[in-house]
Full PDB file with SEQRES, HELIX, SHEET, SSBOND, CRYST1, ORIGX, SCALE, CONECT and MASTER records, all heavy atoms in Angstrom:
SEQRES   1 A   33  ALA LYS ARG LYS VAL ILE PHE LYS ARG ALA GLU SER TYR          
SEQRES   2 A   33  VAL LYS GLU TYR LEU ALA LYS GLU LYS ASP GLU ILE ARG          
SEQRES   3 A   33  LEU LYS ARG ALA ALA ARG ALA                                  
HELIX    1 AA1 LYS A    2  ARG A   32  1                                  31    
CRYST1    1.000    1.000    1.000  90.00  90.00  90.00 P 1           1          
ORIGX1      1.000000  0.000000  0.000000        0.00000                         
ORIGX2      0.000000  1.000000  0.000000        0.00000                         
ORIGX3      0.000000  0.000000  1.000000        0.00000                         
SCALE1      1.000000  0.000000  0.000000        0.00000                         
SCALE2      0.000000  1.000000  0.000000        0.00000                         
SCALE3      0.000000  0.000000  1.000000        0.00000                         
ATOM      1  N   ALA A   1      70.859   2.156  27.086  1.00  0.00           N  
ATOM      2  CA  ALA A   1      70.285   3.273  27.879  1.00  0.00           C  
ATOM      3  C   ALA A   1      68.774   3.162  27.929  1.00  0.00           C  
ATOM      4  O   ALA A   1      68.150   3.386  28.970  1.00  0.00           O  
ATOM      5  CB  ALA A   1      70.729   4.597  27.292  1.00  0.00           C  
ATOM      6  N   LYS A   2      68.186   2.837  26.764  1.00  0.00           N  
ATOM      7  CA  LYS A   2      66.722   2.723  26.682  1.00  0.00           C  
ATOM      8  C   LYS A   2      66.208   1.579  27.543  1.00  0.00           C  
ATOM      9  O   LYS A   2      65.145   1.704  28.207  1.00  0.00           O  
ATOM     10  CB  LYS A   2      66.320   2.483  25.222  1.00  0.00           C  
ATOM     11  CG  LYS A   2      64.929   2.956  24.887  1.00  0.00           C  
ATOM     12  CD  LYS A   2      64.691   2.961  23.392  1.00  0.00           C  
ATOM     13  CE  LYS A   2      65.360   4.160  22.763  1.00  0.00           C  
ATOM     14  NZ  LYS A   2      65.351   4.096  21.304  1.00  0.00           N  
ATOM     15  N   ARG A   3      66.953   0.444  27.547  1.00  0.00           N  
ATOM     16  CA  ARG A   3      66.551  -0.705  28.384  1.00  0.00           C  
ATOM     17  C   ARG A   3      66.493  -0.305  29.853  1.00  0.00           C  
ATOM     18  O   ARG A   3      65.589  -0.713  30.582  1.00  0.00           O  
ATOM     19  CB  ARG A   3      67.526  -1.863  28.165  1.00  0.00           C  
ATOM     20  CG  ARG A   3      67.175  -2.767  27.017  1.00  0.00           C  
ATOM     21  CD  ARG A   3      67.771  -4.149  27.166  1.00  0.00           C  
ATOM     22  NE  ARG A   3      69.207  -4.112  27.286  1.00  0.00           N  
ATOM     23  CZ  ARG A   3      70.077  -4.079  26.274  1.00  0.00           C  
ATOM     24  NH1 ARG A   3      69.615  -4.057  25.038  1.00  0.00           N  
ATOM     25  NH2 ARG A   3      71.383  -4.054  26.482  1.00  0.00           N  
ATOM     26  N   LYS A   4      67.494   0.482  30.280  1.00  0.00           N  
ATOM     27  CA  LYS A   4      67.526   0.946  31.671  1.00  0.00           C  
ATOM     28  C   LYS A   4      66.275   1.769  31.991  1.00  0.00           C  
ATOM     29  O   LYS A   4      65.638   1.595  33.033  1.00  0.00           O  
ATOM     30  CB  LYS A   4      68.782   1.787  31.928  1.00  0.00           C  
ATOM     31  CG  LYS A   4      70.035   0.963  32.179  1.00  0.00           C  
ATOM     32  CD  LYS A   4      71.185   1.872  32.568  1.00  0.00           C  
ATOM     33  CE  LYS A   4      72.455   1.060  32.809  1.00  0.00           C  
ATOM     34  NZ  LYS A   4      73.613   1.949  33.100  1.00  0.00           N  
ATOM     35  N   VAL A   5      65.934   2.682  31.056  1.00  0.00           N  
ATOM     36  CA  VAL A   5      64.743   3.531  31.234  1.00  0.00           C  
ATOM     37  C   VAL A   5      63.482   2.679  31.344  1.00  0.00           C  
ATOM     38  O   VAL A   5      62.640   2.887  32.208  1.00  0.00           O  
ATOM     39  CB  VAL A   5      64.611   4.559  30.063  1.00  0.00           C  
ATOM     40  CG1 VAL A   5      63.286   5.292  30.117  1.00  0.00           C  
ATOM     41  CG2 VAL A   5      65.774   5.561  30.096  1.00  0.00           C  
ATOM     42  N   ILE A   6      63.393   1.692  30.423  1.00  0.00           N  
ATOM     43  CA  ILE A   6      62.193   0.816  30.386  1.00  0.00           C  
ATOM     44  C   ILE A   6      62.069   0.016  31.693  1.00  0.00           C  
ATOM     45  O   ILE A   6      60.982  -0.105  32.260  1.00  0.00           O  
ATOM     46  CB  ILE A   6      62.270  -0.104  29.155  1.00  0.00           C  
ATOM     47  CG1 ILE A   6      62.001   0.695  27.887  1.00  0.00           C  
ATOM     48  CG2 ILE A   6      61.293  -1.269  29.255  1.00  0.00           C  
ATOM     49  CD1 ILE A   6      62.286  -0.030  26.596  1.00  0.00           C  
ATOM     50  N   PHE A   7      63.198  -0.538  32.182  1.00  0.00           N  
ATOM     51  CA  PHE A   7      63.182  -1.304  33.437  1.00  0.00           C  
ATOM     52  C   PHE A   7      62.748  -0.429  34.617  1.00  0.00           C  
ATOM     53  O   PHE A   7      61.950  -0.843  35.460  1.00  0.00           O  
ATOM     54  CB  PHE A   7      64.547  -1.925  33.728  1.00  0.00           C  
ATOM     55  CG  PHE A   7      64.782  -3.205  32.953  1.00  0.00           C  
ATOM     56  CD1 PHE A   7      65.911  -3.366  32.170  1.00  0.00           C  
ATOM     57  CD2 PHE A   7      63.894  -4.255  33.026  1.00  0.00           C  
ATOM     58  CE1 PHE A   7      66.113  -4.539  31.442  1.00  0.00           C  
ATOM     59  CE2 PHE A   7      64.097  -5.437  32.345  1.00  0.00           C  
ATOM     60  CZ  PHE A   7      65.218  -5.561  31.529  1.00  0.00           C  
ATOM     61  N   LYS A   8      63.288   0.806  34.676  1.00  0.00           N  
ATOM     62  CA  LYS A   8      62.930   1.713  35.751  1.00  0.00           C  
ATOM     63  C   LYS A   8      61.443   2.058  35.713  1.00  0.00           C  
ATOM     64  O   LYS A   8      60.762   2.109  36.746  1.00  0.00           O  
ATOM     65  CB  LYS A   8      63.760   3.001  35.654  1.00  0.00           C  
ATOM     66  CG  LYS A   8      65.156   2.846  36.236  1.00  0.00           C  
ATOM     67  CD  LYS A   8      65.916   4.141  36.219  1.00  0.00           C  
ATOM     68  CE  LYS A   8      67.327   3.962  36.810  1.00  0.00           C  
ATOM     69  NZ  LYS A   8      68.132   5.210  36.680  1.00  0.00           N  
ATOM     70  N   ARG A   9      60.953   2.299  34.484  1.00  0.00           N  
ATOM     71  CA  ARG A   9      59.520   2.591  34.354  1.00  0.00           C  
ATOM     72  C   ARG A   9      58.654   1.431  34.800  1.00  0.00           C  
ATOM     73  O   ARG A   9      57.659   1.603  35.499  1.00  0.00           O  
ATOM     74  CB  ARG A   9      59.192   2.919  32.891  1.00  0.00           C  
ATOM     75  CG  ARG A   9      59.580   4.297  32.476  1.00  0.00           C  
ATOM     76  CD  ARG A   9      59.031   4.609  31.113  1.00  0.00           C  
ATOM     77  NE  ARG A   9      59.385   5.931  30.674  1.00  0.00           N  
ATOM     78  CZ  ARG A   9      58.899   6.512  29.599  1.00  0.00           C  
ATOM     79  NH1 ARG A   9      58.009   5.882  28.864  1.00  0.00           N  
ATOM     80  NH2 ARG A   9      59.282   7.709  29.244  1.00  0.00           N  
ATOM     81  N   ALA A  10      59.051   0.215  34.363  1.00  0.00           N  
ATOM     82  CA  ALA A  10      58.289  -0.987  34.731  1.00  0.00           C  
ATOM     83  C   ALA A  10      58.250  -1.131  36.259  1.00  0.00           C  
ATOM     84  O   ALA A  10      57.209  -1.461  36.840  1.00  0.00           O  
ATOM     85  CB  ALA A  10      58.913  -2.221  34.093  1.00  0.00           C  
ATOM     86  N   GLU A  11      59.413  -0.885  36.913  1.00  0.00           N  
ATOM     87  CA  GLU A  11      59.458  -0.976  38.391  1.00  0.00           C  
ATOM     88  C   GLU A  11      58.510   0.049  39.033  1.00  0.00           C  
ATOM     89  O   GLU A  11      57.793  -0.276  39.978  1.00  0.00           O  
ATOM     90  CB  GLU A  11      60.892  -0.723  38.874  1.00  0.00           C  
ATOM     91  CG  GLU A  11      61.812  -1.926  38.727  1.00  0.00           C  
ATOM     92  CD  GLU A  11      63.244  -1.616  39.160  1.00  0.00           C  
ATOM     93  OE1 GLU A  11      63.513  -0.486  39.621  1.00  0.00           O  
ATOM     94  OE2 GLU A  11      64.087  -2.523  39.046  1.00  0.00           O  
ATOM     95  N   SER A  12      58.535   1.262  38.490  1.00  0.00           N  
ATOM     96  CA  SER A  12      57.667   2.312  39.081  1.00  0.00           C  
ATOM     97  C   SER A  12      56.193   1.968  38.879  1.00  0.00           C  
ATOM     98  O   SER A  12      55.367   2.217  39.757  1.00  0.00           O  
ATOM     99  CB  SER A  12      57.975   3.678  38.444  1.00  0.00           C  
ATOM    100  OG  SER A  12      57.566   3.693  37.094  1.00  0.00           O  
ATOM    101  N   TYR A  13      55.859   1.329  37.729  1.00  0.00           N  
ATOM    102  CA  TYR A  13      54.449   0.930  37.471  1.00  0.00           C  
ATOM    103  C   TYR A  13      54.027  -0.158  38.479  1.00  0.00           C  
ATOM    104  O   TYR A  13      52.921  -0.106  39.021  1.00  0.00           O  
ATOM    105  CB  TYR A  13      54.293   0.425  36.056  1.00  0.00           C  
ATOM    106  CG  TYR A  13      54.490   1.448  34.981  1.00  0.00           C  
ATOM    107  CD1 TYR A  13      54.931   1.104  33.709  1.00  0.00           C  
ATOM    108  CD2 TYR A  13      54.206   2.792  35.220  1.00  0.00           C  
ATOM    109  CE1 TYR A  13      55.123   2.052  32.702  1.00  0.00           C  
ATOM    110  CE2 TYR A  13      54.383   3.746  34.236  1.00  0.00           C  
ATOM    111  CZ  TYR A  13      54.843   3.386  32.990  1.00  0.00           C  
ATOM    112  OH  TYR A  13      55.035   4.319  32.008  1.00  0.00           O  
ATOM    113  N   VAL A  14      54.940  -1.109  38.713  1.00  0.00           N  
ATOM    114  CA  VAL A  14      54.620  -2.203  39.673  1.00  0.00           C  
ATOM    115  C   VAL A  14      54.358  -1.606  41.051  1.00  0.00           C  
ATOM    116  O   VAL A  14      53.367  -1.999  41.725  1.00  0.00           O  
ATOM    117  CB  VAL A  14      55.749  -3.224  39.703  1.00  0.00           C  
ATOM    118  CG1 VAL A  14      55.580  -4.207  40.860  1.00  0.00           C  
ATOM    119  CG2 VAL A  14      55.823  -4.026  38.411  1.00  0.00           C  
ATOM    120  N   LYS A  15      55.200  -0.662  41.473  1.00  0.00           N  
ATOM    121  CA  LYS A  15      55.014  -0.022  42.784  1.00  0.00           C  
ATOM    122  C   LYS A  15      53.673   0.711  42.829  1.00  0.00           C  
ATOM    123  O   LYS A  15      52.962   0.666  43.824  1.00  0.00           O  
ATOM    124  CB  LYS A  15      56.175   0.965  43.038  1.00  0.00           C  
ATOM    125  CG  LYS A  15      57.470   0.293  43.452  1.00  0.00           C  
ATOM    126  CD  LYS A  15      58.560   1.315  43.630  1.00  0.00           C  
ATOM    127  CE  LYS A  15      59.907   0.652  43.922  1.00  0.00           C  
ATOM    128  NZ  LYS A  15      61.029   1.606  43.891  1.00  0.00           N  
ATOM    129  N   GLU A  16      53.352   1.390  41.730  1.00  0.00           N  
ATOM    130  CA  GLU A  16      52.104   2.155  41.659  1.00  0.00           C  
ATOM    131  C   GLU A  16      50.899   1.216  41.783  1.00  0.00           C  
ATOM    132  O   GLU A  16      49.952   1.493  42.542  1.00  0.00           O  
ATOM    133  CB  GLU A  16      52.057   2.903  40.322  1.00  0.00           C  
ATOM    134  CG  GLU A  16      50.863   3.818  40.182  1.00  0.00           C  
ATOM    135  CD  GLU A  16      50.755   4.416  38.788  1.00  0.00           C  
ATOM    136  OE1 GLU A  16      51.801   4.741  38.185  1.00  0.00           O  
ATOM    137  OE2 GLU A  16      49.617   4.566  38.294  1.00  0.00           O  
ATOM    138  N   TYR A  17      50.928   0.081  41.040  1.00  0.00           N  
ATOM    139  CA  TYR A  17      49.839  -0.885  41.081  1.00  0.00           C  
ATOM    140  C   TYR A  17      49.670  -1.472  42.495  1.00  0.00           C  
ATOM    141  O   TYR A  17      48.548  -1.606  43.001  1.00  0.00           O  
ATOM    142  CB  TYR A  17      50.059  -2.032  40.082  1.00  0.00           C  
ATOM    143  CG  TYR A  17      50.156  -1.575  38.629  1.00  0.00           C  
ATOM    144  CD1 TYR A  17      51.051  -2.214  37.771  1.00  0.00           C  
ATOM    145  CD2 TYR A  17      49.383  -0.554  38.122  1.00  0.00           C  
ATOM    146  CE1 TYR A  17      51.150  -1.838  36.421  1.00  0.00           C  
ATOM    147  CE2 TYR A  17      49.494  -0.152  36.799  1.00  0.00           C  
ATOM    148  CZ  TYR A  17      50.377  -0.797  35.951  1.00  0.00           C  
ATOM    149  OH  TYR A  17      50.490  -0.417  34.634  1.00  0.00           O  
ATOM    150  N   LEU A  18      50.810  -1.827  43.135  1.00  0.00           N  
ATOM    151  CA  LEU A  18      50.755  -2.424  44.472  1.00  0.00           C  
ATOM    152  C   LEU A  18      50.222  -1.425  45.495  1.00  0.00           C  
ATOM    153  O   LEU A  18      49.431  -1.764  46.357  1.00  0.00           O  
ATOM    154  CB  LEU A  18      52.169  -2.903  44.890  1.00  0.00           C  
ATOM    155  CG  LEU A  18      52.654  -4.173  44.227  1.00  0.00           C  
ATOM    156  CD1 LEU A  18      54.126  -4.436  44.573  1.00  0.00           C  
ATOM    157  CD2 LEU A  18      51.823  -5.384  44.626  1.00  0.00           C  
ATOM    158  N   ALA A  19      50.677  -0.149  45.364  1.00  0.00           N  
ATOM    159  CA  ALA A  19      50.210   0.886  46.289  1.00  0.00           C  
ATOM    160  C   ALA A  19      48.710   1.069  46.176  1.00  0.00           C  
ATOM    161  O   ALA A  19      47.990   1.217  47.194  1.00  0.00           O  
ATOM    162  CB  ALA A  19      50.938   2.187  46.002  1.00  0.00           C  
ATOM    163  N   LYS A  20      48.208   1.068  44.926  1.00  0.00           N  
ATOM    164  CA  LYS A  20      46.780   1.223  44.678  1.00  0.00           C  
ATOM    165  C   LYS A  20      45.980   0.070  45.300  1.00  0.00           C  
ATOM    166  O   LYS A  20      44.926   0.274  45.936  1.00  0.00           O  
ATOM    167  CB  LYS A  20      46.512   1.289  43.179  1.00  0.00           C  
ATOM    168  CG  LYS A  20      45.117   1.683  42.798  1.00  0.00           C  
ATOM    169  CD  LYS A  20      44.931   1.690  41.290  1.00  0.00           C  
ATOM    170  CE  LYS A  20      43.483   1.952  40.928  1.00  0.00           C  
ATOM    171  NZ  LYS A  20      43.229   1.812  39.475  1.00  0.00           N  
ATOM    172  N   GLU A  21      46.510  -1.154  45.108  1.00  0.00           N  
ATOM    173  CA  GLU A  21      45.852  -2.361  45.647  1.00  0.00           C  
ATOM    174  C   GLU A  21      45.805  -2.305  47.185  1.00  0.00           C  
ATOM    175  O   GLU A  21      44.758  -2.595  47.807  1.00  0.00           O  
ATOM    176  CB  GLU A  21      46.641  -3.602  45.172  1.00  0.00           C  
ATOM    177  CG  GLU A  21      45.820  -4.852  45.136  1.00  0.00           C  
ATOM    178  CD  GLU A  21      46.602  -6.011  44.544  1.00  0.00           C  
ATOM    179  OE1 GLU A  21      47.223  -5.845  43.465  1.00  0.00           O  
ATOM    180  OE2 GLU A  21      46.613  -7.073  45.170  1.00  0.00           O  
ATOM    181  N   LYS A  22      46.947  -1.952  47.789  1.00  0.00           N  
ATOM    182  CA  LYS A  22      47.013  -1.885  49.257  1.00  0.00           C  
ATOM    183  C   LYS A  22      46.067  -0.816  49.802  1.00  0.00           C  
ATOM    184  O   LYS A  22      45.433  -0.985  50.832  1.00  0.00           O  
ATOM    185  CB  LYS A  22      48.453  -1.586  49.714  1.00  0.00           C  
ATOM    186  CG  LYS A  22      49.373  -2.803  49.610  1.00  0.00           C  
ATOM    187  CD  LYS A  22      50.781  -2.422  50.026  1.00  0.00           C  
ATOM    188  CE  LYS A  22      51.721  -3.617  49.890  1.00  0.00           C  
ATOM    189  NZ  LYS A  22      53.131  -3.237  50.180  1.00  0.00           N  
ATOM    190  N   ASP A  23      46.006   0.315  49.087  1.00  0.00           N  
ATOM    191  CA  ASP A  23      45.144   1.420  49.511  1.00  0.00           C  
ATOM    192  C   ASP A  23      43.676   0.980  49.503  1.00  0.00           C  
ATOM    193  O   ASP A  23      42.919   1.337  50.415  1.00  0.00           O  
ATOM    194  CB  ASP A  23      45.373   2.607  48.568  1.00  0.00           C  
ATOM    195  CG  ASP A  23      44.950   3.930  49.192  1.00  0.00           C  
ATOM    196  OD1 ASP A  23      45.228   4.109  50.408  1.00  0.00           O  
ATOM    197  OD2 ASP A  23      44.344   4.769  48.489  1.00  0.00           O  
ATOM    198  N   GLU A  24      43.320   0.217  48.463  1.00  0.00           N  
ATOM    199  CA  GLU A  24      41.927  -0.249  48.360  1.00  0.00           C  
ATOM    200  C   GLU A  24      41.602  -1.219  49.503  1.00  0.00           C  
ATOM    201  O   GLU A  24      40.513  -1.145  50.097  1.00  0.00           O  
ATOM    202  CB  GLU A  24      41.732  -0.942  47.013  1.00  0.00           C  
ATOM    203  CG  GLU A  24      40.274  -0.951  46.590  1.00  0.00           C  
ATOM    204  CD  GLU A  24      40.097  -1.080  45.086  1.00  0.00           C  
ATOM    205  OE1 GLU A  24      40.698  -0.278  44.339  1.00  0.00           O  
ATOM    206  OE2 GLU A  24      39.368  -1.991  44.696  1.00  0.00           O  
ATOM    207  N   ILE A  25      42.556  -2.100  49.809  1.00  0.00           N  
ATOM    208  CA  ILE A  25      42.347  -3.049  50.923  1.00  0.00           C  
ATOM    209  C   ILE A  25      42.189  -2.305  52.242  1.00  0.00           C  
ATOM    210  O   ILE A  25      41.323  -2.618  53.062  1.00  0.00           O  
ATOM    211  CB  ILE A  25      43.523  -4.061  50.983  1.00  0.00           C  
ATOM    212  CG1 ILE A  25      43.474  -5.005  49.782  1.00  0.00           C  
ATOM    213  CG2 ILE A  25      43.492  -4.875  52.263  1.00  0.00           C  
ATOM    214  CD1 ILE A  25      44.754  -5.792  49.550  1.00  0.00           C  
ATOM    215  N   ARG A  26      43.047  -1.266  52.436  1.00  0.00           N  
ATOM    216  CA  ARG A  26      42.995  -0.479  53.668  1.00  0.00           C  
ATOM    217  C   ARG A  26      41.652   0.212  53.807  1.00  0.00           C  
ATOM    218  O   ARG A  26      41.059   0.202  54.892  1.00  0.00           O  
ATOM    219  CB  ARG A  26      44.124   0.549  53.631  1.00  0.00           C  
ATOM    220  CG  ARG A  26      44.218   1.428  54.878  1.00  0.00           C  
ATOM    221  CD  ARG A  26      45.309   2.472  54.735  1.00  0.00           C  
ATOM    222  NE  ARG A  26      45.114   3.355  53.607  1.00  0.00           N  
ATOM    223  CZ  ARG A  26      44.231   4.367  53.588  1.00  0.00           C  
ATOM    224  NH1 ARG A  26      43.472   4.603  54.640  1.00  0.00           N  
ATOM    225  NH2 ARG A  26      44.113   5.143  52.513  1.00  0.00           N  
ATOM    226  N   LEU A  27      41.160   0.793  52.727  1.00  0.00           N  
ATOM    227  CA  LEU A  27      39.870   1.495  52.763  1.00  0.00           C  
ATOM    228  C   LEU A  27      38.720   0.536  53.044  1.00  0.00           C  
ATOM    229  O   LEU A  27      37.788   0.883  53.799  1.00  0.00           O  
ATOM    230  CB  LEU A  27      39.629   2.229  51.435  1.00  0.00           C  
ATOM    231  CG  LEU A  27      40.523   3.455  51.170  1.00  0.00           C  
ATOM    232  CD1 LEU A  27      40.386   3.904  49.745  1.00  0.00           C  
ATOM    233  CD2 LEU A  27      40.147   4.603  52.106  1.00  0.00           C  
ATOM    234  N   LYS A  28      38.785  -0.672  52.476  1.00  0.00           N  
ATOM    235  CA  LYS A  28      37.742  -1.690  52.717  1.00  0.00           C  
ATOM    236  C   LYS A  28      37.711  -2.075  54.186  1.00  0.00           C  
ATOM    237  O   LYS A  28      36.636  -2.183  54.811  1.00  0.00           O  
ATOM    238  CB  LYS A  28      37.996  -2.929  51.859  1.00  0.00           C  
ATOM    239  CG  LYS A  28      37.512  -2.798  50.422  1.00  0.00           C  
ATOM    240  CD  LYS A  28      37.810  -4.074  49.660  1.00  0.00           C  
ATOM    241  CE  LYS A  28      37.412  -3.935  48.183  1.00  0.00           C  
ATOM    242  NZ  LYS A  28      37.785  -5.108  47.399  1.00  0.00           N  
ATOM    243  N   ARG A  29      38.906  -2.287  54.754  1.00  0.00           N  
ATOM    244  CA  ARG A  29      39.007  -2.691  56.174  1.00  0.00           C  
ATOM    245  C   ARG A  29      38.506  -1.577  57.090  1.00  0.00           C  
ATOM    246  O   ARG A  29      37.812  -1.842  58.082  1.00  0.00           O  
ATOM    247  CB  ARG A  29      40.452  -3.051  56.516  1.00  0.00           C  
ATOM    248  CG  ARG A  29      40.859  -4.402  55.972  1.00  0.00           C  
ATOM    249  CD  ARG A  29      42.327  -4.682  56.203  1.00  0.00           C  
ATOM    250  NE  ARG A  29      42.732  -5.976  55.700  1.00  0.00           N  
ATOM    251  CZ  ARG A  29      43.985  -6.368  55.556  1.00  0.00           C  
ATOM    252  NH1 ARG A  29      44.977  -5.550  55.880  1.00  0.00           N  
ATOM    253  NH2 ARG A  29      44.268  -7.580  55.087  1.00  0.00           N  
ATOM    254  N   ALA A  30      38.876  -0.337  56.755  1.00  0.00           N  
ATOM    255  CA  ALA A  30      38.441   0.813  57.575  1.00  0.00           C  
ATOM    256  C   ALA A  30      36.939   0.973  57.553  1.00  0.00           C  
ATOM    257  O   ALA A  30      36.307   1.225  58.600  1.00  0.00           O  
ATOM    258  CB  ALA A  30      39.118   2.090  57.052  1.00  0.00           C  
ATOM    259  N   ALA A  31      36.353   0.749  56.362  1.00  0.00           N  
ATOM    260  CA  ALA A  31      34.886   0.843  56.232  1.00  0.00           C  
ATOM    261  C   ALA A  31      34.208  -0.242  57.038  1.00  0.00           C  
ATOM    262  O   ALA A  31      33.207  -0.008  57.722  1.00  0.00           O  
ATOM    263  CB  ALA A  31      34.510   0.778  54.756  1.00  0.00           C  
ATOM    264  N   ARG A  32      34.776  -1.458  56.949  1.00  0.00           N  
ATOM    265  CA  ARG A  32      34.191  -2.598  57.662  1.00  0.00           C  
ATOM    266  C   ARG A  32      34.272  -2.378  59.183  1.00  0.00           C  
ATOM    267  O   ARG A  32      33.345  -2.701  59.931  1.00  0.00           O  
ATOM    268  CB  ARG A  32      34.901  -3.897  57.279  1.00  0.00           C  
ATOM    269  CG  ARG A  32      34.054  -5.149  57.562  1.00  0.00           C  
ATOM    270  CD  ARG A  32      34.783  -6.431  57.209  1.00  0.00           C  
ATOM    271  NE  ARG A  32      35.185  -6.475  55.824  1.00  0.00           N  
ATOM    272  CZ  ARG A  32      36.435  -6.720  55.408  1.00  0.00           C  
ATOM    273  NH1 ARG A  32      37.387  -6.920  56.295  1.00  0.00           N  
ATOM    274  NH2 ARG A  32      36.736  -6.758  54.148  1.00  0.00           N  
ATOM    275  N   ALA A  33      35.417  -1.831  59.622  1.00  0.00           N  
ATOM    276  CA  ALA A  33      35.616  -1.604  61.063  1.00  0.00           C  
ATOM    277  C   ALA A  33      34.640  -0.556  61.608  1.00  0.00           C  
ATOM    278  O   ALA A  33      34.186  -0.668  62.757  1.00  0.00           O  
ATOM    279  CB  ALA A  33      37.070  -1.161  61.302  1.00  0.00           C  
TER     280      ALA A  33                                                      
MASTER        0    0    0    1    0    0    0    6  279    1    0    3          
END                                                                             
């Protein structure tokens, strides 16, 4: 059960990191435009 919780958390962290990275790229492009 704990392994399932850990895997789900790891997945949510990866999504969070990717969303943050994409958001930063979007803001940079908007500023440049």
